[in-house]
Protein backbone atom coordinates (compact mmCIF):
# COMPACT_ATOMS: atom_id res chain seq x y z
CA MET A 1 -0.16 0.00 0.19
CA SER A 2 1.56 3.63 -0.75
CA ALA A 3 2.07 6.01 2.08
CA SER A 4 -0.88 7.98 0.84
CA GLY A 5 -3.31 5.03 0.63
CA GLY A 6 -2.27 4.22 4.18
CA VAL A 7 -3.12 7.58 5.16
CA ARG A 8 -6.37 7.46 3.97
CA VAL A 9 -7.24 4.03 5.52
CA SER A 10 -5.95 5.70 8.90
CA ILE A 11 -8.18 8.73 8.60
CA LEU A 12 -10.95 6.73 7.84
CA ARG A 13 -10.61 4.78 10.96
CA ASN A 14 -10.90 7.98 12.73
CA ARG A 15 -14.52 7.19 14.13
CA ASP A 16 -14.88 11.24 14.36
CA PHE A 17 -13.98 12.18 11.44
CA SER A 18 -16.01 9.17 10.00
CA LEU A 19 -18.95 10.92 11.50
CA LEU A 20 -18.08 14.55 10.45
CA LEU A 21 -17.48 13.47 7.09
CA SER A 22 -20.90 11.35 6.76
CA GLY A 23 -22.61 13.99 7.77
CA GLN A 24 -21.36 16.83 5.78
CA LEU A 25 -21.66 14.36 2.56
CA ILE A 26 -25.33 13.42 3.15
CA SER A 27 -25.95 17.53 3.87
CA SER A 28 -24.07 18.41 0.81
CA LEU A 29 -25.90 15.89 -1.30
CA GLY A 30 -29.31 17.67 -0.19
CA ASN A 31 -27.37 21.21 -1.28
CA GLN A 32 -26.66 20.20 -4.46
CA MET A 33 -30.24 19.43 -4.98
CA GLN A 34 -31.29 22.48 -3.75
CA LEU A 35 -28.79 24.44 -5.53
CA PHE A 36 -30.26 23.18 -8.98
CA ALA A 37 -33.97 23.46 -7.65
CA LEU A 38 -33.73 26.98 -6.37
CA PRO A 39 -33.29 29.36 -9.79
CA LEU A 40 -35.73 27.40 -11.45
CA VAL A 41 -38.43 27.93 -8.73
CA VAL A 42 -37.56 31.86 -8.41
CA LEU A 43 -37.93 31.83 -12.46
CA ALA A 44 -40.87 29.95 -12.31
CA ILE A 45 -42.64 32.19 -10.01
CA SER A 46 -40.57 35.55 -10.95
CA GLY A 47 -40.13 34.75 -14.54
CA THR A 48 -36.67 36.70 -14.26
CA PRO A 49 -32.79 35.98 -14.13
CA THR A 50 -32.48 38.88 -11.96
CA GLN A 51 -34.69 37.61 -8.71
CA ALA A 52 -33.24 34.47 -9.51
CA GLY A 53 -29.71 35.99 -8.93
CA LEU A 54 -30.61 38.05 -5.74
CA VAL A 55 -32.22 34.94 -4.01
CA MET A 56 -28.70 33.24 -4.76
CA GLY A 57 -26.90 35.21 -4.14
CA LEU A 58 -28.92 36.03 0.03
CA ASN A 59 -27.40 32.59 1.10
CA THR A 60 -23.79 34.07 1.15
CA VAL A 61 -24.21 37.60 1.68
CA SER A 62 -24.54 37.39 5.34
CA PHE A 63 -20.74 37.02 5.09
CA ILE A 64 -20.07 40.52 4.32
CA VAL A 65 -22.44 41.54 7.53
CA PHE A 66 -21.88 38.55 10.02
CA GLY A 67 -18.43 37.18 8.60
CA LEU A 68 -16.27 38.79 11.04
CA VAL A 69 -18.37 38.74 14.10
CA SER A 70 -19.34 35.15 13.44
CA GLY A 71 -15.24 34.21 13.75
CA ALA A 72 -14.89 36.09 16.96
CA LEU A 73 -17.87 34.47 18.50
CA VAL A 74 -16.90 30.41 16.95
CA ASP A 75 -13.54 31.60 19.08
CA ARG A 76 -15.24 32.11 22.34
CA TRP A 77 -18.57 28.91 22.02
CA ASN A 78 -18.25 25.77 21.80
CA ARG A 79 -17.85 25.13 18.20
CA LYS A 80 -19.71 21.86 17.57
CA VAL A 81 -22.57 23.44 19.70
CA THR A 82 -22.68 25.68 17.17
CA MET A 83 -22.40 23.46 14.35
CA ILE A 84 -25.41 21.19 15.48
CA TRP A 85 -27.99 24.09 16.11
CA CYS A 86 -26.93 25.97 12.69
CA GLU A 87 -27.64 22.39 10.69
CA ILE A 88 -30.94 22.29 12.77
CA GLY A 89 -32.27 25.61 12.04
CA ARG A 90 -31.14 25.61 8.29
CA GLY A 91 -33.27 22.21 8.35
CA LEU A 92 -36.13 23.60 9.77
CA LEU A 93 -36.05 26.79 7.00
CA VAL A 94 -36.07 24.59 4.04
CA LEU A 95 -38.59 22.67 5.52
CA SER A 96 -40.66 25.83 5.67
CA VAL A 97 -40.44 26.17 1.82
CA VAL A 98 -41.38 22.56 1.20
CA VAL A 99 -44.57 23.62 3.39
CA ALA A 100 -45.12 26.68 1.21
CA LEU A 101 -44.63 25.03 -1.99
CA TRP A 102 -46.88 22.16 -1.01
CA ASN A 103 -50.02 24.44 -0.15
CA ASP A 104 -48.81 26.51 -3.34
CA HIS A 105 -48.50 29.77 -0.56
CA LEU A 106 -44.95 29.88 -1.52
CA THR A 107 -43.90 33.64 -2.38
CA MET A 108 -40.92 35.41 -3.22
CA THR A 109 -40.49 37.40 0.25
CA GLN A 110 -40.45 34.10 1.92
CA LEU A 111 -37.68 32.76 -0.43
CA TYR A 112 -35.96 36.15 0.26
CA LEU A 113 -35.96 35.40 4.01
CA VAL A 114 -35.66 31.78 4.12
CA ALA A 115 -32.31 32.46 1.98
CA LEU A 116 -30.98 35.27 4.05
CA ALA A 117 -31.58 33.59 7.92
CA SER A 118 -29.84 30.38 5.44
CA GLY A 119 -26.55 32.33 4.74
CA ILE A 120 -26.19 33.61 8.21
CA LEU A 121 -26.45 29.98 10.09
CA ALA A 122 -24.48 29.31 6.99
CA THR A 123 -21.79 31.46 7.81
CA PHE A 124 -21.43 30.70 11.54
CA PHE A 125 -21.14 26.87 10.34
CA GLN A 126 -18.29 27.25 7.90
CA VAL A 127 -16.62 29.16 9.92
CA ALA A 128 -16.66 26.64 13.18
CA ASN A 129 -16.44 23.87 10.48
CA THR A 130 -13.17 25.07 9.17
CA ALA A 131 -11.29 26.00 12.44
CA ALA A 132 -12.47 22.96 14.06
CA LEU A 133 -11.22 20.33 11.67
CA PRO A 134 -6.98 20.57 12.63
CA ASN A 135 -8.45 19.78 15.95
CA VAL A 136 -10.05 16.14 14.26
CA VAL A 137 -7.21 15.25 12.56
CA ASP A 138 -3.34 15.54 12.49
CA ALA A 139 -1.73 18.54 11.04
CA SER A 140 0.01 16.32 8.26
CA GLN A 141 -2.74 14.57 7.51
CA LEU A 142 -4.91 18.13 6.41
CA PRO A 143 -4.52 18.26 2.60
CA THR A 144 -5.30 14.42 2.71
CA VAL A 145 -8.57 15.05 4.30
CA LEU A 146 -9.51 18.23 2.45
CA GLY A 147 -8.83 16.08 -0.63
CA PHE A 148 -10.84 13.43 0.71
CA PHE A 149 -13.67 16.15 1.75
CA GLN A 150 -13.41 17.59 -2.00
CA SER A 151 -13.79 14.22 -3.75
CA MET A 152 -16.50 12.74 -1.98
CA SER A 153 -18.75 16.22 -1.86
CA ASN A 154 -17.64 16.26 -5.70
CA THR A 155 -18.70 12.14 -6.18
CA LEU A 156 -22.45 13.57 -4.58
CA ARG A 157 -22.75 16.48 -6.89
CA ILE A 158 -22.43 14.28 -10.00
CA VAL A 159 -25.31 11.98 -8.34
CA GLY A 160 -27.32 15.30 -6.83
CA ALA A 161 -27.27 17.06 -9.86
CA SER A 162 -28.31 14.27 -12.33
CA ILE A 163 -31.16 13.56 -9.60
CA ALA A 164 -32.11 16.66 -8.89
CA GLY A 165 -33.56 17.40 -12.28
CA ALA A 166 -34.92 13.95 -12.71
CA LEU A 167 -36.66 14.85 -9.22
CA TYR A 168 -37.82 18.63 -9.96
CA GLY A 169 -39.56 17.26 -13.01
CA LEU A 170 -41.32 14.91 -10.35
CA GLY A 171 -42.28 17.93 -8.21
CA ARG A 172 -40.94 20.97 -7.22
CA VAL A 173 -41.34 20.24 -3.21
CA VAL A 174 -38.85 17.15 -3.27
CA PRO A 175 -35.28 18.50 -3.94
CA PHE A 176 -36.14 21.01 -1.21
CA LEU A 177 -37.45 17.98 1.20
CA VAL A 178 -34.23 16.00 0.98
CA ASP A 179 -31.73 19.22 1.40
CA GLY A 180 -34.20 19.84 5.07
CA ILE A 181 -33.59 16.12 6.13
CA SER A 182 -30.35 15.83 5.11
CA PHE A 183 -29.54 18.97 7.85
CA LEU A 184 -30.98 17.00 10.43
CA VAL A 185 -28.72 14.09 9.40
CA SER A 186 -25.80 16.01 10.07
CA ALA A 187 -27.03 17.29 13.13
CA ALA A 188 -27.73 14.24 14.65
CA SER A 189 -23.78 12.59 13.46
CA LEU A 190 -22.20 15.88 15.10
CA ARG A 191 -24.06 15.12 18.50
CA PHE A 192 -22.06 11.93 18.40
CA ILE A 193 -18.48 12.96 17.57
CA ARG A 194 -16.53 12.62 21.38
CA THR A 195 -13.57 14.36 20.29
CA GLU A 196 -13.32 18.49 21.24
CA PHE A 197 -13.73 21.42 18.45
CA GLN A 198 -11.09 23.69 20.06
CA GLN A 199 -7.90 23.30 22.22
CA GLU A 200 -8.00 24.14 26.10
CA ARG A 201 -6.71 27.47 27.23
CA GLU A 202 -3.79 27.73 29.15
CA ASP A 203 -3.96 28.03 32.55
CA GLY A 204 -4.44 31.57 33.75
CA GLU A 205 -6.09 32.59 30.51
CA GLU A 206 -8.95 34.35 30.95
CA ARG A 207 -11.67 35.41 28.11
CA ARG A 208 -12.69 38.82 28.19
CA PRO A 209 -16.42 39.47 28.88
CA LEU A 210 -18.22 39.71 25.60
CA THR A 211 -18.65 43.82 24.73
CA ALA A 212 -18.74 45.27 21.62
CA ARG A 213 -14.81 46.59 22.27
CA ALA A 214 -13.79 43.12 23.56
CA LEU A 215 -15.36 41.72 20.16
CA THR A 216 -13.89 44.52 17.91
CA GLN A 217 -10.26 43.70 18.92
CA GLU A 218 -10.45 39.88 18.67
CA ILE A 219 -11.91 40.57 15.47
CA ARG A 220 -8.93 43.26 14.66
CA ASP A 221 -6.36 40.53 15.64
CA GLY A 222 -8.07 37.87 13.62
CA VAL A 223 -7.70 40.67 10.42
CA GLY A 224 -4.71 41.78 11.38
CA TRP A 225 -3.03 38.39 11.28
CA VAL A 226 -3.84 37.54 7.68
CA TRP A 227 -2.94 40.83 6.63
CA ARG A 228 0.66 39.90 7.90
CA GLN A 229 0.93 36.80 5.99
CA PRO A 230 1.51 38.07 2.56
CA VAL A 231 0.67 34.70 0.39
CA ILE A 232 -2.56 34.57 2.45
CA ARG A 233 -3.19 38.01 1.81
CA PHE A 234 -2.53 38.33 -1.91
CA LEU A 235 -4.45 35.11 -2.66
CA THR A 236 -7.41 35.92 -0.54
CA PHE A 237 -7.69 38.74 -2.72
CA VAL A 238 -7.23 36.99 -5.99
CA GLN A 239 -9.67 34.39 -5.03
CA ALA A 240 -12.35 36.56 -3.97
CA ALA A 241 -11.96 38.55 -7.81
CA ASP A 242 -12.32 35.56 -9.05
CA ASN A 243 -15.52 34.72 -7.03
CA LEU A 244 -17.23 37.90 -8.83
CA ARG A 245 -17.02 35.91 -11.51
CA TYR A 246 -17.63 32.65 -10.11
CA GLY A 247 -20.89 33.64 -8.40
CA ALA A 248 -22.46 34.49 -11.73
CA GLY A 249 -20.96 31.41 -13.53
CA TYR A 250 -23.81 28.82 -11.77
CA LEU A 251 -27.05 31.32 -13.49
CA VAL A 252 -24.98 32.01 -17.03
CA ILE A 253 -24.67 28.47 -17.48
CA ILE A 254 -28.09 27.65 -17.01
CA MET A 255 -29.07 30.67 -19.50
CA LEU A 256 -26.56 29.23 -21.65
CA ALA A 257 -28.18 25.95 -21.77
CA LYS A 258 -31.14 26.84 -21.70
CA GLY A 259 -30.24 29.17 -24.98
CA VAL A 260 -28.86 25.74 -26.41
CA GLY A 261 -32.41 23.51 -25.62
CA ALA A 262 -31.45 21.75 -22.51
CA ASP A 263 -34.75 20.98 -20.39
CA SER A 264 -33.78 20.45 -16.58
CA THR A 265 -32.41 16.83 -16.85
CA GLU A 266 -29.83 18.06 -19.17
CA ILE A 267 -28.97 21.03 -17.55
CA GLY A 268 -28.23 18.57 -14.24
CA LEU A 269 -25.71 16.62 -16.73
CA ILE A 270 -24.22 19.41 -17.31
CA PHE A 271 -23.43 20.60 -13.37
CA SER A 272 -22.27 16.50 -13.07
CA GLY A 273 -19.98 17.19 -15.82
CA ALA A 274 -18.58 19.56 -13.89
CA ALA A 275 -18.34 17.41 -10.68
CA VAL A 276 -17.11 15.09 -12.32
CA GLY A 277 -14.15 17.34 -13.48
CA ALA A 278 -13.99 18.49 -9.76
CA LEU A 279 -13.66 15.25 -8.63
CA VAL A 280 -10.61 14.01 -10.79
CA GLY A 281 -9.12 17.25 -9.66
CA ALA A 282 -9.65 16.35 -5.81
CA ALA A 283 -8.31 12.79 -6.40
CA LEU A 284 -5.10 14.56 -8.04
CA SER A 285 -4.75 17.23 -5.23
CA ASN A 286 -2.95 15.40 -2.59
CA ARG A 287 -0.05 14.06 -4.76
CA ILE A 288 -0.09 17.54 -6.61
CA ILE A 289 0.23 19.11 -3.35
CA LYS A 290 2.98 17.14 -2.42
CA HIS A 291 5.52 17.98 -5.38
CA PHE A 292 4.76 21.69 -6.44
CA PRO A 293 4.37 24.71 -4.35
CA LEU A 294 1.49 26.79 -3.74
CA GLY A 295 2.41 29.26 -5.72
CA ARG A 296 3.14 27.65 -8.72
CA ILE A 297 -0.67 25.74 -8.37
CA ALA A 298 -2.29 29.00 -7.77
CA VAL A 299 -0.29 30.71 -11.10
CA VAL A 300 -1.73 27.18 -13.06
CA THR A 301 -5.51 26.94 -11.87
CA MET A 302 -5.93 31.23 -12.52
CA THR A 303 -4.11 30.25 -15.99
CA VAL A 304 -6.50 27.28 -17.10
CA VAL A 305 -9.24 28.90 -15.98
CA ALA A 306 -9.01 31.86 -17.61
CA LEU A 307 -8.31 30.04 -21.14
CA ALA A 308 -11.07 27.70 -20.42
CA PHE A 309 -14.44 30.07 -19.81
CA PRO A 310 -14.55 31.49 -23.03
CA LEU A 311 -15.33 27.94 -24.72
CA TYR A 312 -18.46 28.29 -22.47
CA ALA A 313 -19.70 30.58 -25.76
CA LEU A 314 -18.57 28.62 -27.78
CA ALA A 315 -20.19 25.22 -26.61
CA PRO A 316 -23.68 24.36 -29.09
CA ASN A 317 -25.04 21.82 -27.06
CA PRO A 318 -25.20 20.96 -23.53
CA LEU A 319 -22.98 17.92 -24.17
CA LEU A 320 -19.82 20.39 -24.78
CA LEU A 321 -21.41 22.60 -21.92
CA GLY A 322 -20.82 19.96 -19.74
CA LEU A 323 -17.32 19.15 -20.69
CA VAL A 324 -16.39 22.97 -20.76
CA ALA A 325 -17.65 22.47 -17.08
CA ALA A 326 -15.41 19.51 -16.44
CA LEU A 327 -12.00 21.12 -17.88
CA GLU A 328 -12.62 24.59 -16.03
CA SER A 329 -13.63 22.53 -12.93
CA LEU A 330 -10.49 20.14 -13.03
CA VAL A 331 -7.72 22.70 -11.46
CA ARG A 332 -10.06 24.74 -8.48
CA PRO A 333 -10.14 21.88 -6.33
CA VAL A 334 -6.39 21.45 -6.19
CA TYR A 335 -5.43 25.08 -5.33
CA MET A 336 -8.61 25.46 -2.66
CA VAL A 337 -7.13 22.22 -0.67
CA ALA A 338 -3.98 23.94 -1.52
CA LEU A 339 -4.65 27.28 -0.30
CA THR A 340 -6.80 25.97 2.72
CA SER A 341 -4.12 23.58 3.90
CA TYR A 342 -1.63 26.49 4.00
CA GLN A 343 -3.99 28.61 5.85
CA LEU A 344 -4.68 25.80 8.77
CA SER A 345 -1.22 24.76 9.50
CA ILE A 346 0.29 28.05 10.32
CA THR A 347 -3.50 29.53 11.97
CA PRO A 348 -3.06 28.97 15.93
CA ASP A 349 -6.12 27.27 16.96
CA ALA A 350 -6.84 30.22 19.46
CA ILE A 351 -7.83 32.47 16.09
CA GLN A 352 -8.58 29.72 13.92
CA GLY A 353 -12.14 31.04 13.43
CA ARG A 354 -11.46 34.95 13.29
CA VAL A 355 -8.89 33.99 10.46
CA THR A 356 -11.19 32.10 8.64
CA SER A 357 -13.89 34.71 8.72
CA ALA A 358 -12.00 37.29 7.65
CA VAL A 359 -10.91 35.20 4.56
CA SER A 360 -14.42 34.31 4.20
CA THR A 361 -16.08 37.32 4.69
CA LEU A 362 -13.96 38.29 1.48
CA VAL A 363 -13.94 35.62 -0.64
CA PHE A 364 -17.93 34.75 0.23
CA GLY A 365 -19.13 38.20 0.04
CA ALA A 366 -17.26 38.53 -3.00
CA MET A 367 -19.07 35.77 -4.76
CA SER A 368 -22.45 37.08 -3.00
CA ILE A 369 -22.32 40.49 -5.06
CA GLY A 370 -21.32 38.51 -8.18
CA THR A 371 -24.07 36.31 -7.53
CA MET A 372 -26.80 39.31 -7.67
CA ALA A 373 -25.08 41.06 -10.18
CA GLY A 374 -24.60 38.17 -12.24
CA GLY A 375 -28.45 38.06 -12.89
CA ALA A 376 -28.66 41.53 -14.18
CA LEU A 377 -25.47 41.49 -16.29
CA VAL A 378 -26.69 38.42 -17.71
CA ALA A 379 -30.16 39.96 -18.75
CA ALA A 380 -28.53 43.02 -19.81
CA LEU A 381 -26.02 41.58 -22.02
CA GLY A 382 -26.85 38.00 -22.62
CA GLY A 383 -25.17 35.04 -22.25
CA ASP A 384 -22.52 34.67 -24.79
CA HIS A 385 -21.08 38.65 -23.92
CA THR A 386 -20.83 37.86 -20.19
CA VAL A 387 -18.73 35.12 -20.99
CA LEU A 388 -16.22 37.17 -23.04
CA LEU A 389 -16.35 39.90 -20.58
CA PHE A 390 -15.28 37.25 -17.66
CA SER A 391 -12.90 35.68 -19.83
CA ALA A 392 -11.17 38.88 -20.20
CA TYR A 393 -11.22 39.54 -16.16
CA LEU A 394 -10.05 36.42 -15.65
CA LEU A 395 -6.74 36.89 -17.89
CA LEU A 396 -6.23 39.88 -16.25
CA LEU A 397 -6.19 37.86 -12.50
CA ALA A 398 -4.27 35.25 -13.80
CA LEU A 399 -1.69 37.68 -15.18
CA VAL A 400 -1.41 39.52 -11.55
CA THR A 401 -1.38 36.10 -9.73
CA ALA A 402 1.68 35.49 -12.31
CA GLY A 403 3.57 38.85 -11.63
CA ASN A 404 3.03 38.75 -7.43
CA ARG A 405 6.58 37.95 -5.89
CA ALA A 406 5.37 36.44 -2.89
CA VAL A 407 3.40 34.38 -4.63
CA ARG A 408 6.00 32.95 -6.49
CA ARG A 409 8.26 32.09 -3.79
CA ALA A 410 5.47 30.37 -1.84
CA PRO A 411 6.89 27.05 -0.90
CA ARG A 412 5.02 23.87 -0.50
CA VAL A 413 1.94 23.18 2.07
CA GLY A 414 4.15 21.72 5.30
CA GLU A 415 7.03 24.08 4.94
CA ALA A 416 5.38 27.46 5.67
CA GLN A 417 5.87 29.22 8.49
CA PRO A 418 3.54 32.26 9.35
CA VAL A 419 5.28 35.77 9.19
CA GLY A 420 5.73 37.61 12.31
CA GLU A 421 3.66 35.69 14.44
CA GLU A 422 2.77 36.77 18.04
CA PRO A 423 1.10 35.30 20.83
CA VAL A 424 -2.86 35.88 20.54
CA THR A 425 -5.36 34.09 23.28
CA ALA A 426 -8.86 32.66 22.56
CA GLY A 427 -10.31 35.97 24.26
CA GLY A 428 -8.17 38.17 21.81
C-alpha cells in the first residue's frame, strides 16, 4: 500500500472524522439538489434571472455583515454546539419552503427571508467547521482530508445534480424536502462526535467579557494576523476577485444551457460534468500538493480557468457545455485544497475562527455580489457576451497572480511558517 493510501485508511478509521464526513456528505447531497432547484423555482415564480440572482446571492451575503463577527464568536463559543444548532436551524428553514410549496403559498418574500436566514446560519457553521478541522485530524493529514472532502463532495455533486433534475421533474417540493432532512441528519452525526473542536486554553488565560469593544479587538487580531501573511493576504484578494465571476457563473451556465434547448435533466447533467472534473482534480490534489509549491499551483489554476472559460460561449449543445464545465472545474479543487491546508497549518487554534472568517468574509462576500450582479448582467448583456467579459477579467487575474513575487516564492504546504507571528489568546 502507498503512503498516501495508508494515510487515507488511517483517516477513515478515525471514528469522529468519519462521523463528521458522513454528516457533511449527506448535507452536501441535499444542498446540491436545492442549489439546482432554487433558481428554477424563482424563475417559475418571477420569470426574471435578476430575481434568481438576488435569492441565490442572499445565501452568501450574510458573510459581508456577519462574517467577521461569526469568527470572533466561534472562537469564544463551543464550536460543536454551534454547528449542531446551525444545522437544525437550516433544516427547519428549508422545510418551511416545502410546506409553502406543498400548499401553493410560496412567495418571493419567503424565499428572500429563508435565503438570508440560511446564509447567516451557514456563515457560523462554515467558520466553525473549518476552524474545528485541525482538532479532528493531525496537521500532516490536512491536505489528504481536504482532498477527501472534495472528492466525496464532488462524487455526490455528480449524483446530486443528475438526480435533482429528475426529481424536480417529479415535483418542485422534492429537492427541498431532501435538503431539509439532510441538515437534520448532519446535526445528529455531529452530536455523536467525541473530539473537542477547540483546544483548551492555557492555565490562567481568561476570556474577556463579551462587549462591543472586546469583540472589535478580537476581530482586529484575526484580520491583522491575515494581513501580516503576504501569501494568504494576496491569494485571498485574488480568490475574492475570481469569486465575483464564479458567483455569477452558475446562473450564466443555466441561461446558456436554456439557450441551446437543454431541459432540466440535461442542465443537471451539465453540472454533473463540472462535478466529474472537480472529482478528478480532488483525487489528484494530495499528490500535486506534495510535489509542487503553492505559488505554482495558484498561477497554473488561474491560467487554466482563464483559457477554459471562453469555451462556454462556443459550446453549441448541452454535451459540450458539460465538457467545458468539467475542464474548468478540474484545477479548482487542487488550488482550494492547497490554499486551505496552507492557511490551517500555520494558523494558531485560538484564532482559527477569526482567521477563517476574515478570509471567508472577503471571498464569500465577493461571491454574493457576483451572484446578485450576475443576474442583472446576464439580463443586460446575454449569456455569450457575459462569458466574453468574464474571460478577459480572468486573464487579467492570471497575469496579476503570475507577477506577484510572494506567490511565486510560496513554498509547498507543510514547509510554510507564519510571518511575524505573535501570541494570541482565545479572548483576543
